[in-house]
């Protein structure tokens, strides 16, 4: 089984709309796990650049 992480939006009907198309072919059934941030969870996109760069330096 292959895992792909992407982002999407949930519309008023509760359906997912992917931000970008998946490059896996069409007419395939998939399993979906939806992770929804809690109101008090920090947004990972809001991480300051210097913190991200320091993490990368430590990883190398």
C-alpha atoms as a PDB file:
ATOM      1  CA  UNK A   1       0.000   0.000   0.000  1.00  0.00           C
ATOM      2  CA  UNK A   2       1.297   3.470  -0.920  1.00  0.00           C
ATOM      3  CA  UNK A   3       0.717   6.593   1.213  1.00  0.00           C
ATOM      4  CA  UNK A   4       0.343  10.079  -0.259  1.00  0.00           C
ATOM      5  CA  UNK A   5       0.013  13.211   1.851  1.00  0.00           C
ATOM      6  CA  UNK A   6      -1.805  16.171   0.340  1.00  0.00           C
ATOM      7  CA  UNK A   7      -4.159  18.939   1.381  1.00  0.00           C
ATOM      8  CA  UNK A   8      -7.831  19.428   0.664  1.00  0.00           C
ATOM      9  CA  UNK A   9     -10.862  21.484   1.607  1.00  0.00           C
ATOM     10  CA  UNK A  10     -14.143  20.152   2.962  1.00  0.00           C
ATOM     11  CA  UNK A  11     -17.119  21.796   1.216  1.00  0.00           C
ATOM     12  CA  UNK A  12     -20.613  22.507   2.579  1.00  0.00           C
ATOM     13  CA  UNK A  13     -21.759  19.012   1.577  1.00  0.00           C
ATOM     14  CA  UNK A  14     -18.898  17.400   3.533  1.00  0.00           C
ATOM     15  CA  UNK A  15     -17.016  16.352   0.393  1.00  0.00           C
ATOM     16  CA  UNK A  16     -13.253  16.664  -0.021  1.00  0.00           C
ATOM     17  CA  UNK A  17     -11.821  18.796  -2.789  1.00  0.00           C
ATOM     18  CA  UNK A  18      -8.104  18.131  -3.260  1.00  0.00           C
ATOM     19  CA  UNK A  19      -5.862  21.163  -3.723  1.00  0.00           C
ATOM     20  CA  UNK A  20      -3.867  19.338  -6.418  1.00  0.00           C
ATOM     21  CA  UNK A  21      -4.648  16.283  -8.563  1.00  0.00           C
ATOM     22  CA  UNK A  22      -3.091  12.971  -7.540  1.00  0.00           C
ATOM     23  CA  UNK A  23      -0.657  11.473 -10.062  1.00  0.00           C
ATOM     24  CA  UNK A  24      -1.793   7.868  -9.596  1.00  0.00           C
ATOM     25  CA  UNK A  25      -4.110   7.114 -12.493  1.00  0.00           C
ATOM     26  CA  UNK A  26      -7.879   7.143 -12.487  1.00  0.00           C
ATOM     27  CA  UNK A  27     -10.777   4.868 -11.592  1.00  0.00           C
ATOM     28  CA  UNK A  28      -9.064   3.435  -8.519  1.00  0.00           C
ATOM     29  CA  UNK A  29     -10.595   2.971  -5.100  1.00  0.00           C
ATOM     30  CA  UNK A  30      -8.602   4.538  -2.255  1.00  0.00           C
ATOM     31  CA  UNK A  31      -8.710   4.625   1.519  1.00  0.00           C
ATOM     32  CA  UNK A  32      -8.784   8.090   3.075  1.00  0.00           C
ATOM     33  CA  UNK A  33      -7.639   9.211   6.521  1.00  0.00           C
ATOM     34  CA  UNK A  34      -8.653  12.781   7.372  1.00  0.00           C
ATOM     35  CA  UNK A  35      -6.653  14.719   9.966  1.00  0.00           C
ATOM     36  CA  UNK A  36      -8.387  17.865  11.207  1.00  0.00           C
ATOM     37  CA  UNK A  37      -6.447  20.345  13.342  1.00  0.00           C
ATOM     38  CA  UNK A  38      -7.995  21.369  16.627  1.00  0.00           C
ATOM     39  CA  UNK A  39      -8.614  25.077  17.159  1.00  0.00           C
ATOM     40  CA  UNK A  40      -5.667  25.360  19.593  1.00  0.00           C
ATOM     41  CA  UNK A  41      -3.205  23.337  17.450  1.00  0.00           C
ATOM     42  CA  UNK A  42      -0.445  25.430  15.912  1.00  0.00           C
ATOM     43  CA  UNK A  43      -0.525  25.620  12.119  1.00  0.00           C
ATOM     44  CA  UNK A  44       2.600  23.850  10.764  1.00  0.00           C
ATOM     45  CA  UNK A  45       2.665  26.405   7.931  1.00  0.00           C
ATOM     46  CA  UNK A  46       3.204  29.148  10.553  1.00  0.00           C
ATOM     47  CA  UNK A  47       6.559  27.749  11.726  1.00  0.00           C
ATOM     48  CA  UNK A  48       9.170  30.523  11.506  1.00  0.00           C
ATOM     49  CA  UNK A  49      11.812  30.011   8.801  1.00  0.00           C
ATOM     50  CA  UNK A  50      14.696  30.075  11.300  1.00  0.00           C
ATOM     51  CA  UNK A  51      13.127  27.205  13.273  1.00  0.00           C
ATOM     52  CA  UNK A  52      12.672  25.148  10.087  1.00  0.00           C
ATOM     53  CA  UNK A  53      16.252  25.848   8.977  1.00  0.00           C
ATOM     54  CA  UNK A  54      17.644  24.894  12.393  1.00  0.00           C
ATOM     55  CA  UNK A  55      15.714  21.608  12.251  1.00  0.00           C
ATOM     56  CA  UNK A  56      17.156  20.904   8.815  1.00  0.00           C
ATOM     57  CA  UNK A  57      20.685  21.670  10.044  1.00  0.00           C
ATOM     58  CA  UNK A  58      20.247  19.295  12.973  1.00  0.00           C
ATOM     59  CA  UNK A  59      18.931  16.598  10.640  1.00  0.00           C
ATOM     60  CA  UNK A  60      21.998  16.849   8.420  1.00  0.00           C
END
